[in-house]
Amino acid sequence: MNEYIFFTAEGHTQPPQWDKEVNNCQILGRAFGEDEIMAKKTLLKNNPWIEDCGFDPKRIEVAQLFNIC
């Protein structure tokens, strides 16, 4: 099984100084799968908050993680 990390450029974060917004990528989670499609299905199934919070699954980016130990 391969491991993938999922992120999006949707939304923003709020820094400690509350009167500002920071536009950046947001990590949504990690998931395992035979390929990135299966891993994304697992991610969304196990984390319904992603869609509940309004993140668009079509805009989620993915990168495979490699263990080089």
N, C-alpha and C. Protein backbone atom coordinates (compact mmCIF):
# COMPACT_ATOMS: atom_id res chain seq x y z
N MET A 1 0.84 -1.19 0.00
CA MET A 1 0.00 0.00 0.00
C MET A 1 0.88 1.24 0.00
N ASN A 2 0.42 2.23 -0.69
CA ASN A 2 1.12 3.51 -0.75
C ASN A 2 0.46 4.50 0.20
N GLU A 3 1.25 5.45 0.67
CA GLU A 3 0.72 6.50 1.55
C GLU A 3 0.75 7.83 0.81
N TYR A 4 -0.32 8.60 0.97
CA TYR A 4 -0.46 9.88 0.28
C TYR A 4 -0.84 10.96 1.29
N ILE A 5 -0.44 12.19 0.96
CA ILE A 5 -0.84 13.35 1.76
C ILE A 5 -1.73 14.21 0.88
N PHE A 6 -2.78 14.76 1.47
CA PHE A 6 -3.77 15.54 0.73
C PHE A 6 -3.82 16.96 1.27
N PHE A 7 -3.89 17.91 0.35
CA PHE A 7 -3.89 19.32 0.74
C PHE A 7 -4.70 20.13 -0.26
N THR A 8 -5.03 21.35 0.12
CA THR A 8 -5.80 22.24 -0.75
C THR A 8 -5.35 23.68 -0.54
N ALA A 9 -5.55 24.47 -1.57
CA ALA A 9 -5.27 25.91 -1.47
C ALA A 9 -6.56 26.68 -1.17
N GLU A 10 -7.66 25.96 -0.98
CA GLU A 10 -8.92 26.62 -0.63
C GLU A 10 -8.84 27.14 0.81
N GLY A 11 -9.53 28.20 1.06
CA GLY A 11 -9.62 28.71 2.43
C GLY A 11 -8.40 29.52 2.84
N HIS A 12 -8.31 29.74 4.13
CA HIS A 12 -7.21 30.51 4.71
C HIS A 12 -7.07 30.08 6.17
N THR A 13 -5.99 30.52 6.77
CA THR A 13 -5.82 30.27 8.20
C THR A 13 -5.79 31.60 8.93
N GLN A 14 -5.98 31.53 10.21
CA GLN A 14 -5.98 32.73 11.03
C GLN A 14 -4.78 32.67 11.97
N PRO A 15 -3.87 33.63 11.85
CA PRO A 15 -2.69 33.64 12.69
C PRO A 15 -3.01 34.13 14.10
N PRO A 16 -2.05 34.06 15.00
CA PRO A 16 -2.27 34.54 16.36
C PRO A 16 -2.76 36.00 16.41
N GLN A 17 -2.32 36.81 15.46
CA GLN A 17 -2.82 38.19 15.39
C GLN A 17 -4.15 38.13 14.64
N TRP A 18 -5.26 38.13 15.36
CA TRP A 18 -6.59 37.79 14.86
C TRP A 18 -7.12 38.69 13.75
N ASP A 19 -6.57 39.86 13.56
CA ASP A 19 -7.13 40.77 12.55
C ASP A 19 -6.53 40.55 11.16
N LYS A 20 -5.83 39.45 10.96
CA LYS A 20 -5.23 39.15 9.66
C LYS A 20 -5.66 37.77 9.20
N GLU A 21 -5.56 37.54 7.88
CA GLU A 21 -5.78 36.23 7.29
C GLU A 21 -4.54 35.84 6.52
N VAL A 22 -4.24 34.56 6.47
CA VAL A 22 -3.10 34.06 5.73
C VAL A 22 -3.61 33.09 4.67
N ASN A 23 -3.36 33.40 3.40
CA ASN A 23 -3.72 32.49 2.33
C ASN A 23 -2.57 31.51 2.14
N ASN A 24 -2.86 30.23 2.29
CA ASN A 24 -1.83 29.21 2.16
C ASN A 24 -2.48 27.86 1.89
N CYS A 25 -1.68 26.85 1.71
CA CYS A 25 -2.22 25.50 1.56
C CYS A 25 -2.58 24.94 2.93
N GLN A 26 -3.59 24.09 2.93
CA GLN A 26 -4.01 23.47 4.17
C GLN A 26 -3.92 21.95 4.02
N ILE A 27 -3.25 21.33 4.96
CA ILE A 27 -3.15 19.88 4.97
C ILE A 27 -4.48 19.31 5.45
N LEU A 28 -5.06 18.42 4.67
CA LEU A 28 -6.34 17.81 5.04
C LEU A 28 -6.15 16.44 5.68
N GLY A 29 -5.05 15.77 5.39
CA GLY A 29 -4.82 14.48 6.01
C GLY A 29 -3.96 13.58 5.16
N ARG A 30 -3.75 12.36 5.70
CA ARG A 30 -2.99 11.32 5.00
C ARG A 30 -3.87 10.09 4.89
N ALA A 31 -3.61 9.29 3.86
CA ALA A 31 -4.37 8.05 3.69
C ALA A 31 -3.56 7.06 2.87
N PHE A 32 -3.87 5.79 3.06
CA PHE A 32 -3.23 4.72 2.31
C PHE A 32 -4.16 4.22 1.22
N GLY A 33 -3.56 3.73 0.14
CA GLY A 33 -4.34 3.14 -0.94
C GLY A 33 -3.42 2.55 -1.98
N GLU A 34 -3.99 1.72 -2.85
CA GLU A 34 -3.22 1.15 -3.96
C GLU A 34 -2.74 2.24 -4.91
N ASP A 35 -3.55 3.29 -5.04
CA ASP A 35 -3.19 4.45 -5.85
C ASP A 35 -3.83 5.69 -5.21
N GLU A 36 -3.59 6.85 -5.80
CA GLU A 36 -4.09 8.08 -5.17
C GLU A 36 -5.61 8.17 -5.21
N ILE A 37 -6.24 7.57 -6.18
CA ILE A 37 -7.71 7.59 -6.26
C ILE A 37 -8.32 6.82 -5.09
N MET A 38 -7.79 5.63 -4.83
CA MET A 38 -8.31 4.83 -3.72
C MET A 38 -7.99 5.49 -2.37
N ALA A 39 -6.81 6.07 -2.26
CA ALA A 39 -6.44 6.75 -1.02
C ALA A 39 -7.35 7.95 -0.77
N LYS A 40 -7.69 8.68 -1.83
CA LYS A 40 -8.57 9.84 -1.69
C LYS A 40 -9.97 9.40 -1.24
N LYS A 41 -10.45 8.29 -1.78
CA LYS A 41 -11.75 7.76 -1.34
C LYS A 41 -11.71 7.42 0.14
N THR A 42 -10.62 6.81 0.57
CA THR A 42 -10.46 6.46 1.99
C THR A 42 -10.41 7.72 2.84
N LEU A 43 -9.64 8.71 2.40
CA LEU A 43 -9.54 9.98 3.13
C LEU A 43 -10.92 10.60 3.34
N LEU A 44 -11.69 10.70 2.26
CA LEU A 44 -13.00 11.35 2.35
C LEU A 44 -14.00 10.53 3.18
N LYS A 45 -13.91 9.21 3.09
CA LYS A 45 -14.80 8.35 3.87
C LYS A 45 -14.50 8.48 5.37
N ASN A 46 -13.22 8.51 5.71
CA ASN A 46 -12.83 8.56 7.13
C ASN A 46 -12.82 9.96 7.72
N ASN A 47 -12.97 10.97 6.88
CA ASN A 47 -12.94 12.36 7.33
C ASN A 47 -14.09 13.15 6.71
N PRO A 48 -15.33 12.87 7.09
CA PRO A 48 -16.46 13.57 6.48
C PRO A 48 -16.43 15.08 6.73
N TRP A 49 -15.68 15.53 7.72
CA TRP A 49 -15.60 16.96 8.01
C TRP A 49 -15.03 17.73 6.81
N ILE A 50 -14.23 17.07 5.96
CA ILE A 50 -13.62 17.77 4.82
C ILE A 50 -14.72 18.36 3.93
N GLU A 51 -15.67 17.53 3.53
CA GLU A 51 -16.76 18.02 2.70
C GLU A 51 -17.76 18.83 3.52
N ASP A 52 -17.97 18.45 4.78
CA ASP A 52 -18.89 19.20 5.65
C ASP A 52 -18.43 20.65 5.82
N CYS A 53 -17.12 20.87 5.81
CA CYS A 53 -16.57 22.23 5.96
C CYS A 53 -16.54 22.99 4.64
N GLY A 54 -16.93 22.34 3.55
CA GLY A 54 -17.04 23.03 2.27
C GLY A 54 -15.86 22.88 1.33
N PHE A 55 -14.90 22.04 1.68
CA PHE A 55 -13.78 21.83 0.77
C PHE A 55 -14.28 21.03 -0.44
N ASP A 56 -13.87 21.43 -1.63
CA ASP A 56 -14.28 20.79 -2.87
C ASP A 56 -13.34 19.62 -3.16
N PRO A 57 -13.85 18.38 -3.14
CA PRO A 57 -12.99 17.22 -3.39
C PRO A 57 -12.24 17.30 -4.72
N LYS A 58 -12.80 18.00 -5.70
CA LYS A 58 -12.14 18.13 -7.00
C LYS A 58 -10.90 19.02 -6.94
N ARG A 59 -10.82 19.84 -5.91
CA ARG A 59 -9.69 20.77 -5.80
C ARG A 59 -8.62 20.28 -4.84
N ILE A 60 -8.81 19.08 -4.30
CA ILE A 60 -7.83 18.51 -3.37
C ILE A 60 -6.62 18.01 -4.15
N GLU A 61 -5.45 18.44 -3.73
CA GLU A 61 -4.19 18.01 -4.34
C GLU A 61 -3.63 16.84 -3.55
N VAL A 62 -2.76 16.06 -4.19
CA VAL A 62 -2.22 14.87 -3.54
C VAL A 62 -0.74 14.71 -3.90
N ALA A 63 0.01 14.17 -2.96
CA ALA A 63 1.42 13.82 -3.19
C ALA A 63 1.69 12.51 -2.47
N GLN A 64 2.40 11.63 -3.15
CA GLN A 64 2.75 10.34 -2.52
C GLN A 64 3.90 10.55 -1.54
N LEU A 65 3.79 9.91 -0.39
CA LEU A 65 4.85 9.95 0.61
C LEU A 65 5.73 8.71 0.45
N PHE A 66 7.02 8.90 0.63
CA PHE A 66 7.97 7.80 0.52
C PHE A 66 8.74 7.65 1.82
N ASN A 67 8.91 6.45 2.28
CA ASN A 67 9.69 6.17 3.46
C ASN A 67 11.08 5.72 3.00
N ILE A 68 12.11 6.52 3.33
CA ILE A 68 13.45 6.20 2.84
C ILE A 68 14.35 5.66 3.94
N CYS A 69 13.75 5.12 4.98
CA CYS A 69 14.54 4.55 6.08
C CYS A 69 15.17 3.24 5.68
